[in-house]
Amino acid sequence: MPKVLIASGILRDLDRPFLKLLRDAGLEIAFPGPRRQLTEADLMVELKGVTASLAGAEPYTRRVLEASPELRVIARTGVGYDAIDVAAANECGIAVAITPGGNHESVAEHTLALMLALARSIVPQHDAIHAGNWRREIGVPLRGRTLGLIGLGRIGREVALRAAAFRMPLLAYEPFPDAPFVEKHGVRLVPMDRLLAESDFVSLHIPLSNESRNLIDARALALMKPGAFLINTARGGIINEDDLATALREKRIGGAALDVFANEPPPIDHPLLKFENVICTAHTAGVDQQARDDMGYQAAHAIAALSRSEWPADQIVNPDCRPKHRWP
């Protein structure tokens, strides 16, 4: 019986419809031994005899894939797949699937929560009161403040809709915009430098790629308004973290909210963890309860479809693997 490894930590120990879908497809379910995000070394062990991985953010490197000859599918809970060596997957005939539409609203809600927390100094006030201090902070309003969205895809559009409810003027940098959405919701498309210079809040909603890595560096940060806030719910590598720490240390921007880091989890002595005006969450923007269940089901659907020799094209990100792809 083909085996599916439930590698995604957010799905561990859950009895949800995704498990029934896999079992009904005649697939055996396996959970990994380590109760943490799996490392490359962990995967080298856990993927032995596994046909499909219902994956999280663990690293599917070339070394891992070449050591896992029975692996035919990696179905990722989410839309980012930068932790997967897609070129190696193509060579090995491994289909890589994602779950489009599974968590975009969750990420948008988390983004607004981070914006409000920054603007209202929620965390410093909370910590002060718990320490016995009555610290009253004057917050920054969202209403009337400009939000700049770097990326206006599925997630960026959901953030725009929510920000509009706060009466925030909207700027966006997006090379391939949804023109009807832009017109309907009054989004102004601008070059990135102008967006950085005019926005009171800058929020990142682009994938990590060779082009976007370290996109927000010392130059970009220098363009931002003094007092502006930076929010990242996309991927940590988009920001040069050393440059951001310098900008914060020199008080060139107002603060940052980070759901993601270049290396996760960040070390306890990471420079960005030393600032009171940096709010951090543990890469959880896209995993509220509903999104978790939806993504688990969509990822399981892709695996079940491939087990029936179907091809869920709307979920497969590497169609070049198809000539070599075989269910076991």
C-alpha atoms as a PDB file:
ATOM      1  CA  MET A   1       0.000   0.000   0.000  1.00  0.00           C
ATOM      2  CA  PRO A   2       1.501   3.416  -0.959  1.00  0.00           C
ATOM      3  CA  LYS A   3       2.456   5.455   2.078  1.00  0.00           C
ATOM      4  CA  VAL A   4       1.811   9.159   2.712  1.00  0.00           C
ATOM      5  CA  LEU A   5       3.979  10.985   5.257  1.00  0.00           C
ATOM      6  CA  ILE A   6       2.122  13.783   7.075  1.00  0.00           C
ATOM      7  CA  ALA A   7       5.237  15.929   7.335  1.00  0.00           C
ATOM      8  CA  SER A   8       3.446  19.225   7.987  1.00  0.00           C
ATOM      9  CA  GLY A   9       3.614  19.982  11.692  1.00  0.00           C
ATOM     10  CA  ILE A  10       0.323  21.912  11.664  1.00  0.00           C
ATOM     11  CA  LEU A  11      -1.539  18.729  10.704  1.00  0.00           C
ATOM     12  CA  ARG A  12      -0.031  16.459  13.293  1.00  0.00           C
ATOM     13  CA  ASP A  13      -2.376  14.605  15.680  1.00  0.00           C
ATOM     14  CA  LEU A  14      -5.489  15.871  13.909  1.00  0.00           C
ATOM     15  CA  ASP A  15      -8.504  13.835  12.875  1.00  0.00           C
ATOM     16  CA  ARG A  16      -9.700  15.945   9.956  1.00  0.00           C
ATOM     17  CA  PRO A  17     -11.276  15.216   6.556  1.00  0.00           C
ATOM     18  CA  PHE A  18      -7.892  15.176   4.823  1.00  0.00           C
ATOM     19  CA  LEU A  19      -7.062  11.881   6.541  1.00  0.00           C
ATOM     20  CA  LYS A  20     -10.297  10.240   5.409  1.00  0.00           C
ATOM     21  CA  LEU A  21      -9.667  11.445   1.852  1.00  0.00           C
ATOM     22  CA  LEU A  22      -6.260   9.778   1.824  1.00  0.00           C
ATOM     23  CA  ARG A  23      -7.482   6.565   3.414  1.00  0.00           C
ATOM     24  CA  ASP A  24     -10.422   6.345   1.033  1.00  0.00           C
ATOM     25  CA  ALA A  25      -7.879   6.550  -1.802  1.00  0.00           C
ATOM     26  CA  GLY A  26      -6.249   3.395  -0.427  1.00  0.00           C
ATOM     27  CA  LEU A  27      -3.225   5.134   1.056  1.00  0.00           C
ATOM     28  CA  GLU A  28      -1.404   4.335   4.275  1.00  0.00           C
ATOM     29  CA  ILE A  29      -0.831   7.233   6.675  1.00  0.00           C
ATOM     30  CA  ALA A  30       2.461   7.759   8.497  1.00  0.00           C
ATOM     31  CA  PHE A  31       3.528  10.464  10.927  1.00  0.00           C
ATOM     32  CA  PRO A  32       7.176  11.418  11.499  1.00  0.00           C
ATOM     33  CA  GLY A  33       9.014  10.569  14.683  1.00  0.00           C
ATOM     34  CA  PRO A  34      10.381  14.041  15.570  1.00  0.00           C
ATOM     35  CA  ARG A  35       7.721  16.374  17.000  1.00  0.00           C
ATOM     36  CA  ARG A  36       9.146  19.521  15.396  1.00  0.00           C
ATOM     37  CA  GLN A  37       9.767  20.908  11.925  1.00  0.00           C
ATOM     38  CA  LEU A  38      11.730  18.266  10.099  1.00  0.00           C
ATOM     39  CA  THR A  39      15.308  18.936   9.048  1.00  0.00           C
ATOM     40  CA  GLU A  40      17.128  17.643   5.987  1.00  0.00           C
ATOM     41  CA  ALA A  41      18.601  14.847   8.113  1.00  0.00           C
ATOM     42  CA  ASP A  42      15.152  13.956   9.438  1.00  0.00           C
ATOM     43  CA  LEU A  43      13.701  13.731   5.928  1.00  0.00           C
ATOM     44  CA  MET A  44      16.482  11.415   4.799  1.00  0.00           C
ATOM     45  CA  VAL A  45      15.119   8.942   7.357  1.00  0.00           C
ATOM     46  CA  GLU A  46      11.391   9.670   7.363  1.00  0.00           C
ATOM     47  CA  LEU A  47      10.922   9.487   3.567  1.00  0.00           C
ATOM     48  CA  LYS A  48      12.191   5.928   3.248  1.00  0.00           C
ATOM     49  CA  GLY A  49       9.394   3.875   1.684  1.00  0.00           C
ATOM     50  CA  VAL A  50       7.187   6.969   1.292  1.00  0.00           C
ATOM     51  CA  THR A  51       5.323   7.656  -1.967  1.00  0.00           C
ATOM     52  CA  ALA A  52       3.886  11.086  -1.125  1.00  0.00           C
ATOM     53  CA  SER A  53       4.626  13.773   1.427  1.00  0.00           C
ATOM     54  CA  LEU A  54       1.926  16.103   2.695  1.00  0.00           C
ATOM     55  CA  ALA A  55       4.494  18.800   3.292  1.00  0.00           C
ATOM     56  CA  GLY A  56       5.067  21.862   5.410  1.00  0.00           C
ATOM     57  CA  ALA A  57       8.117  24.140   5.330  1.00  0.00           C
ATOM     58  CA  GLU A  58      10.728  21.393   5.753  1.00  0.00           C
ATOM     59  CA  PRO A  59      13.598  21.377   3.195  1.00  0.00           C
ATOM     60  CA  TYR A  60      13.227  19.055   0.207  1.00  0.00           C
ATOM     61  CA  THR A  61      16.761  19.520  -1.083  1.00  0.00           C
ATOM     62  CA  ARG A  62      18.384  17.701  -3.986  1.00  0.00           C
ATOM     63  CA  ARG A  63      20.136  15.474  -1.461  1.00  0.00           C
ATOM     64  CA  VAL A  64      16.812  14.544   0.130  1.00  0.00           C
ATOM     65  CA  LEU A  65      15.060  13.889  -3.178  1.00  0.00           C
ATOM     66  CA  GLU A  66      17.859  11.793  -4.647  1.00  0.00           C
ATOM     67  CA  ALA A  67      17.883   9.695  -1.468  1.00  0.00           C
ATOM     68  CA  SER A  68      14.111   9.089  -1.710  1.00  0.00           C
ATOM     69  CA  PRO A  69      13.619   7.034  -4.901  1.00  0.00           C
ATOM     70  CA  GLU A  70      10.045   6.007  -4.018  1.00  0.00           C
ATOM     71  CA  LEU A  71       8.844   9.586  -3.507  1.00  0.00           C
ATOM     72  CA  ARG A  72       6.459  10.651  -6.283  1.00  0.00           C
ATOM     73  CA  VAL A  73       4.576  13.638  -4.825  1.00  0.00           C
ATOM     74  CA  ILE A  74       5.290  16.573  -2.524  1.00  0.00           C
ATOM     75  CA  ALA A  75       1.987  18.330  -1.754  1.00  0.00           C
ATOM     76  CA  ARG A  76       2.702  21.563   0.110  1.00  0.00           C
ATOM     77  CA  THR A  77       0.246  23.141   2.560  1.00  0.00           C
ATOM     78  CA  GLY A  78       0.472  26.694   1.229  1.00  0.00           C
ATOM     79  CA  VAL A  79       1.512  28.421  -1.966  1.00  0.00           C
ATOM     80  CA  GLY A  80       5.218  28.972  -1.311  1.00  0.00           C
ATOM     81  CA  TYR A  81       7.549  26.215  -2.433  1.00  0.00           C
ATOM     82  CA  ASP A  82      10.979  27.796  -2.052  1.00  0.00           C
ATOM     83  CA  ALA A  83      11.949  25.002   0.375  1.00  0.00           C
ATOM     84  CA  ILE A  84      11.673  22.489  -2.482  1.00  0.00           C
ATOM     85  CA  ASP A  85      14.396  22.029  -5.111  1.00  0.00           C
ATOM     86  CA  VAL A  86      12.048  22.044  -8.085  1.00  0.00           C
ATOM     87  CA  ALA A  87      14.784  21.361 -10.638  1.00  0.00           C
ATOM     88  CA  ALA A  88      15.758  18.220  -8.726  1.00  0.00           C
ATOM     89  CA  ALA A  89      12.090  17.243  -8.435  1.00  0.00           C
ATOM     90  CA  ASN A  90      11.732  17.500 -12.215  1.00  0.00           C
ATOM     91  CA  GLU A  91      14.754  15.280 -12.738  1.00  0.00           C
ATOM     92  CA  CYS A  92      13.377  12.735 -10.263  1.00  0.00           C
ATOM     93  CA  GLY A  93       9.857  12.797 -11.706  1.00  0.00           C
ATOM     94  CA  ILE A  94       8.375  14.138  -8.469  1.00  0.00           C
ATOM     95  CA  ALA A  95       5.218  16.238  -8.798  1.00  0.00           C
ATOM     96  CA  VAL A  96       5.177  19.336  -6.572  1.00  0.00           C
ATOM     97  CA  ALA A  97       1.696  20.538  -5.642  1.00  0.00           C
ATOM     98  CA  ILE A  98       0.514  23.579  -3.698  1.00  0.00           C
ATOM     99  CA  THR A  99      -2.832  24.683  -2.255  1.00  0.00           C
ATOM    100  CA  PRO A 100      -3.833  27.913  -4.037  1.00  0.00           C
ATOM    101  CA  GLY A 101      -6.633  29.773  -2.310  1.00  0.00           C
ATOM    102  CA  GLY A 102      -6.253  27.797   0.889  1.00  0.00           C
ATOM    103  CA  ASN A 103      -4.849  30.477   3.197  1.00  0.00           C
ATOM    104  CA  HIS A 104      -4.895  33.886   1.525  1.00  0.00           C
ATOM    105  CA  GLU A 105      -7.600  35.251   3.812  1.00  0.00           C
ATOM    106  CA  SER A 106      -5.772  34.001   6.903  1.00  0.00           C
ATOM    107  CA  VAL A 107      -2.592  35.796   5.804  1.00  0.00           C
ATOM    108  CA  ALA A 108      -4.569  38.980   5.121  1.00  0.00           C
ATOM    109  CA  GLU A 109      -6.167  38.930   8.570  1.00  0.00           C
ATOM    110  CA  HIS A 110      -2.788  38.337  10.215  1.00  0.00           C
ATOM    111  CA  THR A 111      -1.278  41.212   8.236  1.00  0.00           C
ATOM    112  CA  LEU A 112      -3.917  43.613   9.527  1.00  0.00           C
ATOM    113  CA  ALA A 113      -3.421  42.303  13.058  1.00  0.00           C
ATOM    114  CA  LEU A 114       0.302  43.048  12.817  1.00  0.00           C
ATOM    115  CA  MET A 115      -0.356  46.509  11.394  1.00  0.00           C
ATOM    116  CA  LEU A 116      -2.692  47.349  14.268  1.00  0.00           C
ATOM    117  CA  ALA A 117      -0.309  45.926  16.852  1.00  0.00           C
ATOM    118  CA  LEU A 118       2.511  48.093  15.515  1.00  0.00           C
ATOM    119  CA  ALA A 119       0.416  51.222  15.144  1.00  0.00           C
ATOM    120  CA  ARG A 120      -1.054  50.938  18.651  1.00  0.00           C
ATOM    121  CA  SER A 121       2.064  49.657  20.480  1.00  0.00           C
ATOM    122  CA  ILE A 122      -0.003  46.717  21.700  1.00  0.00           C
ATOM    123  CA  VAL A 123       2.890  44.457  22.686  1.00  0.00           C
ATOM    124  CA  PRO A 124       4.977  47.062  24.601  1.00  0.00           C
ATOM    125  CA  GLN A 125       1.886  48.198  26.531  1.00  0.00           C
ATOM    126  CA  HIS A 126       0.927  44.597  27.314  1.00  0.00           C
ATOM    127  CA  ASP A 127       4.436  43.794  28.548  1.00  0.00           C
ATOM    128  CA  ALA A 128       4.604  46.981  30.620  1.00  0.00           C
ATOM    129  CA  ILE A 129       1.303  46.315  32.396  1.00  0.00           C
ATOM    130  CA  HIS A 130       2.362  42.739  33.187  1.00  0.00           C
ATOM    131  CA  ALA A 131       5.551  44.222  34.667  1.00  0.00           C
ATOM    132  CA  GLY A 132       3.497  46.553  36.899  1.00  0.00           C
ATOM    133  CA  ASN A 133       3.832  49.718  34.818  1.00  0.00           C
ATOM    134  CA  TRP A 134       0.872  51.740  33.545  1.00  0.00           C
ATOM    135  CA  ARG A 135       2.307  52.751  30.188  1.00  0.00           C
ATOM    136  CA  ARG A 136      -0.011  54.830  28.029  1.00  0.00           C
ATOM    137  CA  GLU A 137       1.101  55.106  24.410  1.00  0.00           C
ATOM    138  CA  ILE A 138      -0.338  57.433  21.784  1.00  0.00           C
ATOM    139  CA  GLY A 139      -1.061  55.250  18.794  1.00  0.00           C
ATOM    140  CA  VAL A 140      -0.766  55.904  15.077  1.00  0.00           C
ATOM    141  CA  PRO A 141      -4.105  55.735  13.216  1.00  0.00           C
ATOM    142  CA  LEU A 142      -4.614  53.504  10.212  1.00  0.00           C
ATOM    143  CA  ARG A 143      -7.328  55.768   8.800  1.00  0.00           C
ATOM    144  CA  GLY A 144      -5.862  58.208   6.320  1.00  0.00           C
ATOM    145  CA  ARG A 145      -2.444  56.533   6.364  1.00  0.00           C
ATOM    146  CA  THR A 146      -1.134  55.116   3.096  1.00  0.00           C
ATOM    147  CA  LEU A 147      -0.607  51.394   2.736  1.00  0.00           C
ATOM    148  CA  GLY A 148       1.898  50.257   0.130  1.00  0.00           C
ATOM    149  CA  LEU A 149       1.503  46.679  -1.058  1.00  0.00           C
ATOM    150  CA  ILE A 150       4.502  45.074  -2.726  1.00  0.00           C
ATOM    151  CA  GLY A 151       2.638  42.370  -4.593  1.00  0.00           C
ATOM    152  CA  LEU A 152      -1.047  42.496  -5.469  1.00  0.00           C
ATOM    153  CA  GLY A 153      -1.762  38.837  -6.023  1.00  0.00           C
ATOM    154  CA  ARG A 154      -4.352  36.781  -4.181  1.00  0.00           C
ATOM    155  CA  ILE A 155      -3.054  37.751  -0.711  1.00  0.00           C
ATOM    156  CA  GLY A 156      -2.265  41.366  -1.557  1.00  0.00           C
ATOM    157  CA  ARG A 157      -5.787  41.880  -2.880  1.00  0.00           C
ATOM    158  CA  GLU A 158      -7.317  40.488   0.318  1.00  0.00           C
ATOM    159  CA  VAL A 159      -5.148  42.840   2.389  1.00  0.00           C
ATOM    160  CA  ALA A 160      -6.251  45.747   0.188  1.00  0.00           C
ATOM    161  CA  LEU A 161      -9.932  44.960   0.793  1.00  0.00           C
ATOM    162  CA  ARG A 162      -9.449  44.939   4.554  1.00  0.00           C
ATOM    163  CA  ALA A 163      -7.285  48.059   4.589  1.00  0.00           C
ATOM    164  CA  ALA A 164      -9.903  49.913   2.564  1.00  0.00           C
ATOM    165  CA  ALA A 165     -12.330  49.324   5.442  1.00  0.00           C
ATOM    166  CA  PHE A 166      -9.926  51.393   7.575  1.00  0.00           C
ATOM    167  CA  ARG A 167     -10.043  54.148   4.930  1.00  0.00           C
ATOM    168  CA  MET A 168      -6.392  53.699   4.028  1.00  0.00           C
ATOM    169  CA  PRO A 169      -5.247  55.040   0.631  1.00  0.00           C
ATOM    170  CA  LEU A 170      -3.743  52.130  -1.309  1.00  0.00           C
ATOM    171  CA  LEU A 171      -0.567  51.993  -3.385  1.00  0.00           C
ATOM    172  CA  ALA A 172       0.714  48.830  -5.027  1.00  0.00           C
ATOM    173  CA  TYR A 173       3.711  47.640  -6.950  1.00  0.00           C
ATOM    174  CA  GLU A 174       2.624  44.752  -9.157  1.00  0.00           C
ATOM    175  CA  PRO A 175       4.048  43.932 -12.619  1.00  0.00           C
ATOM    176  CA  PHE A 176       0.964  41.896 -13.609  1.00  0.00           C
ATOM    177  CA  PRO A 177      -1.994  43.630 -11.959  1.00  0.00           C
ATOM    178  CA  ASP A 178      -5.621  42.573 -11.936  1.00  0.00           C
ATOM    179  CA  ALA A 179      -6.864  45.664 -13.779  1.00  0.00           C
ATOM    180  CA  PRO A 180     -10.570  45.353 -12.845  1.00  0.00           C
ATOM    181  CA  PHE A 181      -9.671  44.967  -9.160  1.00  0.00           C
ATOM    182  CA  VAL A 182      -7.316  47.959  -9.282  1.00  0.00           C
ATOM    183  CA  GLU A 183      -9.959  50.165 -10.882  1.00  0.00           C
ATOM    184  CA  LYS A 184     -12.825  49.016  -8.663  1.00  0.00           C
ATOM    185  CA  HIS A 185     -10.956  49.529  -5.398  1.00  0.00           C
ATOM    186  CA  GLY A 186      -9.005  52.657  -6.228  1.00  0.00           C
ATOM    187  CA  VAL A 187      -5.548  51.138  -5.955  1.00  0.00           C
ATOM    188  CA  ARG A 188      -2.792  53.290  -7.431  1.00  0.00           C
ATOM    189  CA  LEU A 189      -0.096  51.317  -9.228  1.00  0.00           C
ATOM    190  CA  VAL A 190       3.299  52.936  -8.763  1.00  0.00           C
ATOM    191  CA  PRO A 191       6.995  52.057  -9.163  1.00  0.00           C
ATOM    192  CA  MET A 192       8.507  50.427  -6.099  1.00  0.00           C
ATOM    193  CA  ASP A 193      10.703  53.391  -5.171  1.00  0.00           C
ATOM    194  CA  ARG A 194       7.694  55.688  -5.134  1.00  0.00           C
ATOM    195  CA  LEU A 195       5.716  53.209  -3.061  1.00  0.00           C
ATOM    196  CA  LEU A 196       8.494  53.044  -0.476  1.00  0.00           C
ATOM    197  CA  ALA A 197       8.785  56.821  -0.334  1.00  0.00           C
ATOM    198  CA  GLU A 198       5.046  57.546   0.016  1.00  0.00           C
ATOM    199  CA  SER A 199       3.738  54.719   2.221  1.00  0.00           C
ATOM    200  CA  ASP A 200       3.184  54.863   5.961  1.00  0.00           C
ATOM    201  CA  PHE A 201       2.908  51.072   6.048  1.00  0.00           C
ATOM    202  CA  VAL A 202       4.724  48.782   3.600  1.00  0.00           C
ATOM    203  CA  SER A 203       3.506  45.191   3.409  1.00  0.00           C
ATOM    204  CA  LEU A 204       5.235  42.413   1.458  1.00  0.00           C
ATOM    205  CA  HIS A 205       3.197  39.887  -0.544  1.00  0.00           C
ATOM    206  CA  ILE A 206       5.550  38.387  -3.114  1.00  0.00           C
ATOM    207  CA  PRO A 207       7.219  34.978  -3.382  1.00  0.00           C
ATOM    208  CA  LEU A 208      10.878  34.465  -2.599  1.00  0.00           C
ATOM    209  CA  SER A 209      12.935  34.164  -5.768  1.00  0.00           C
ATOM    210  CA  ASN A 210      16.364  35.112  -7.031  1.00  0.00           C
ATOM    211  CA  GLU A 211      14.893  38.471  -8.013  1.00  0.00           C
ATOM    212  CA  SER A 212      13.169  39.172  -4.692  1.00  0.00           C
ATOM    213  CA  ARG A 213      15.880  37.926  -2.320  1.00  0.00           C
ATOM    214  CA  ASN A 214      17.147  40.881  -0.221  1.00  0.00           C
ATOM    215  CA  LEU A 215      14.777  43.167  -2.119  1.00  0.00           C
ATOM    216  CA  ILE A 216      14.289  45.241   1.029  1.00  0.00           C
ATOM    217  CA  ASP A 217      17.876  46.248   1.676  1.00  0.00           C
ATOM    218  CA  ALA A 218      19.648  49.368   2.951  1.00  0.00           C
ATOM    219  CA  ARG A 219      18.760  51.303  -0.202  1.00  0.00           C
ATOM    220  CA  ALA A 220      15.067  50.398  -0.029  1.00  0.00           C
ATOM    221  CA  LEU A 221      14.862  51.135   3.689  1.00  0.00           C
ATOM    222  CA  ALA A 222      16.483  54.516   3.159  1.00  0.00           C
ATOM    223  CA  LEU A 223      13.640  55.432   0.812  1.00  0.00           C
ATOM    224  CA  MET A 224      10.964  54.790   3.437  1.00  0.00           C
ATOM    225  CA  LYS A 225       9.433  57.581   5.485  1.00  0.00           C
ATOM    226  CA  PRO A 226      10.825  58.169   8.970  1.00  0.00           C
ATOM    227  CA  GLY A 227       8.281  56.499  11.213  1.00  0.00           C
ATOM    228  CA  ALA A 228       6.954  54.145   8.520  1.00  0.00           C
ATOM    229  CA  PHE A 229       6.270  50.525   9.407  1.00  0.00           C
ATOM    230  CA  LEU A 230       7.367  47.405   7.506  1.00  0.00           C
ATOM    231  CA  ILE A 231       5.287  44.201   7.612  1.00  0.00           C
ATOM    232  CA  ASN A 232       6.454  40.868   6.233  1.00  0.00           C
ATOM    233  CA  THR A 233       4.107  37.881   6.047  1.00  0.00           C
ATOM    234  CA  ALA A 234       5.704  36.567   2.838  1.00  0.00           C
ATOM    235  CA  ARG A 235       9.209  35.085   3.159  1.00  0.00           C
ATOM    236  CA  GLY A 236      12.087  36.111   5.401  1.00  0.00           C
ATOM    237  CA  GLY A 237      14.695  36.181   2.644  1.00  0.00           C
ATOM    238  CA  ILE A 238      12.966  39.121   0.964  1.00  0.00           C
ATOM    239  CA  ILE A 239      14.378  41.392   3.683  1.00  0.00           C
ATOM    240  CA  ASN A 240      18.081  41.863   4.339  1.00  0.00           C
ATOM    241  CA  GLU A 241      17.804  41.387   8.086  1.00  0.00           C
ATOM    242  CA  ASP A 242      21.135  43.046   8.907  1.00  0.00           C
ATOM    243  CA  ASP A 243      20.105  46.138   6.949  1.00  0.00           C
ATOM    244  CA  LEU A 244      16.736  46.213   8.712  1.00  0.00           C
ATOM    245  CA  ALA A 245      18.433  45.973  12.110  1.00  0.00           C
ATOM    246  CA  THR A 246      20.662  48.916  11.176  1.00  0.00           C
ATOM    247  CA  ALA A 247      17.684  51.002  10.040  1.00  0.00           C
ATOM    248  CA  LEU A 248      15.867  50.274  13.299  1.00  0.00           C
ATOM    249  CA  ARG A 249      18.939  50.972  15.408  1.00  0.00           C
ATOM    250  CA  GLU A 250      19.351  54.332  13.674  1.00  0.00           C
ATOM    251  CA  LYS A 251      15.598  55.015  14.066  1.00  0.00           C
ATOM    252  CA  ARG A 252      15.157  55.518  10.330  1.00  0.00           C
ATOM    253  CA  ILE A 253      11.813  53.687  10.310  1.00  0.00           C
ATOM    254  CA  GLY A 254       9.114  53.335  12.944  1.00  0.00           C
ATOM    255  CA  GLY A 255       9.146  49.584  13.381  1.00  0.00           C
ATOM    256  CA  ALA A 256       8.589  46.216  11.777  1.00  0.00           C
ATOM    257  CA  ALA A 257       6.326  43.187  12.143  1.00  0.00           C
ATOM    258  CA  LEU A 258       7.770  39.888  10.985  1.00  0.00           C
ATOM    259  CA  ASP A 259       5.981  36.577  10.631  1.00  0.00           C
ATOM    260  CA  VAL A 260       8.935  35.100   8.738  1.00  0.00           C
ATOM    261  CA  PHE A 261      12.726  35.019   8.999  1.00  0.00           C
ATOM    262  CA  ALA A 262      15.507  34.014   6.636  1.00  0.00           C
ATOM    263  CA  ASN A 263      16.296  31.102   8.963  1.00  0.00           C
ATOM    264  CA  GLU A 264      13.509  29.673  11.071  1.00  0.00           C
ATOM    265  CA  PRO A 265      13.335  29.639  13.968  1.00  0.00           C
ATOM    266  CA  PRO A 266      15.718  32.578  14.418  1.00  0.00           C
ATOM    267  CA  PRO A 267      18.451  32.204  17.038  1.00  0.00           C
ATOM    268  CA  ILE A 268      17.718  33.748  20.417  1.00  0.00           C
ATOM    269  CA  ASP A 269      20.479  36.327  19.833  1.00  0.00           C
ATOM    270  CA  HIS A 270      19.100  37.434  16.458  1.00  0.00           C
ATOM    271  CA  PRO A 271      19.555  41.232  16.260  1.00  0.00           C
ATOM    272  CA  LEU A 272      15.937  41.867  15.267  1.00  0.00           C
ATOM    273  CA  LEU A 273      14.693  40.285  18.488  1.00  0.00           C
ATOM    274  CA  LYS A 274      16.313  43.032  20.541  1.00  0.00           C
ATOM    275  CA  PHE A 275      13.992  45.852  19.422  1.00  0.00           C
ATOM    276  CA  GLU A 276      10.825  46.777  21.280  1.00  0.00           C
ATOM    277  CA  ASN A 277       9.292  48.065  18.044  1.00  0.00           C
ATOM    278  CA  VAL A 278       9.673  44.724  16.242  1.00  0.00           C
ATOM    279  CA  ILE A 279       6.734  42.333  16.623  1.00  0.00           C
ATOM    280  CA  CYS A 280       7.389  38.697  15.742  1.00  0.00           C
ATOM    281  CA  THR A 281       5.152  35.713  15.103  1.00  0.00           C
ATOM    282  CA  ALA A 282       6.223  32.171  14.268  1.00  0.00           C
ATOM    283  CA  HIS A 283       5.348  31.856  10.551  1.00  0.00           C
ATOM    284  CA  THR A 284       1.684  31.474  11.491  1.00  0.00           C
ATOM    285  CA  ALA A 285       0.013  34.050   9.253  1.00  0.00           C
ATOM    286  CA  GLY A 286      -1.391  31.421   6.926  1.00  0.00           C
ATOM    287  CA  VAL A 287      -2.455  28.798   9.442  1.00  0.00           C
ATOM    288  CA  ASP A 288      -5.600  29.725  11.281  1.00  0.00           C
ATOM    289  CA  GLN A 289      -7.927  26.789  11.995  1.00  0.00           C
ATOM    290  CA  GLN A 290      -9.981  27.130   8.819  1.00  0.00           C
ATOM    291  CA  ALA A 291      -6.959  27.650   6.561  1.00  0.00           C
ATOM    292  CA  ARG A 292      -5.159  24.698   8.153  1.00  0.00           C
ATOM    293  CA  ASP A 293      -8.075  22.379   7.407  1.00  0.00           C
ATOM    294  CA  ASP A 294      -8.598  23.753   3.894  1.00  0.00           C
ATOM    295  CA  MET A 295      -4.919  23.422   2.989  1.00  0.00           C
ATOM    296  CA  GLY A 296      -4.693  19.927   4.413  1.00  0.00           C
ATOM    297  CA  TYR A 297      -7.682  18.838   2.362  1.00  0.00           C
ATOM    298  CA  GLN A 298      -6.421  20.456  -0.852  1.00  0.00           C
ATOM    299  CA  ALA A 299      -2.973  18.902  -0.459  1.00  0.00           C
ATOM    300  CA  ALA A 300      -4.561  15.499   0.201  1.00  0.00           C
ATOM    301  CA  HIS A 301      -6.781  15.984  -2.856  1.00  0.00           C
ATOM    302  CA  ALA A 302      -3.708  16.483  -5.056  1.00  0.00           C
ATOM    303  CA  ILE A 303      -2.114  13.302  -3.700  1.00  0.00           C
ATOM    304  CA  ALA A 304      -5.311  11.275  -4.107  1.00  0.00           C
ATOM    305  CA  ALA A 305      -5.804  12.564  -7.657  1.00  0.00           C
ATOM    306  CA  LEU A 306      -2.262  11.638  -8.663  1.00  0.00           C
ATOM    307  CA  SER A 307      -2.734   8.186  -7.128  1.00  0.00           C
ATOM    308  CA  ARG A 308      -5.616   7.714  -9.620  1.00  0.00           C
ATOM    309  CA  SER A 309      -3.372   8.816 -12.511  1.00  0.00           C
ATOM    310  CA  GLU A 310      -5.211  12.140 -12.689  1.00  0.00           C
ATOM    311  CA  TRP A 311      -3.300  15.404 -13.095  1.00  0.00           C
ATOM    312  CA  PRO A 312      -4.503  18.320 -10.889  1.00  0.00           C
ATOM    313  CA  ALA A 313      -2.973  20.945 -13.142  1.00  0.00           C
ATOM    314  CA  ASP A 314      -4.203  23.900 -11.070  1.00  0.00           C
ATOM    315  CA  GLN A 315      -2.091  22.660  -8.156  1.00  0.00           C
ATOM    316  CA  ILE A 316       1.041  21.325  -9.885  1.00  0.00           C
ATOM    317  CA  VAL A 317       3.845  23.895 -10.073  1.00  0.00           C
ATOM    318  CA  ASN A 318       6.311  21.775 -12.071  1.00  0.00           C
ATOM    319  CA  PRO A 319       4.532  20.306 -15.099  1.00  0.00           C
ATOM    320  CA  ASP A 320       7.967  19.580 -16.619  1.00  0.00           C
ATOM    321  CA  CYS A 321       8.163  16.558 -14.324  1.00  0.00           C
ATOM    322  CA  ARG A 322       5.220  14.881 -16.025  1.00  0.00           C
ATOM    323  CA  PRO A 323       7.137  12.787 -18.609  1.00  0.00           C
ATOM    324  CA  LYS A 324       9.064  11.128 -15.771  1.00  0.00           C
ATOM    325  CA  HIS A 325       6.277  11.037 -13.225  1.00  0.00           C
ATOM    326  CA  ARG A 326       4.877   7.643 -12.276  1.00  0.00           C
ATOM    327  CA  TRP A 327       2.628   6.576  -9.416  1.00  0.00           C
ATOM    328  CA  PRO A 328       4.543   3.687  -7.927  1.00  0.00           C
END
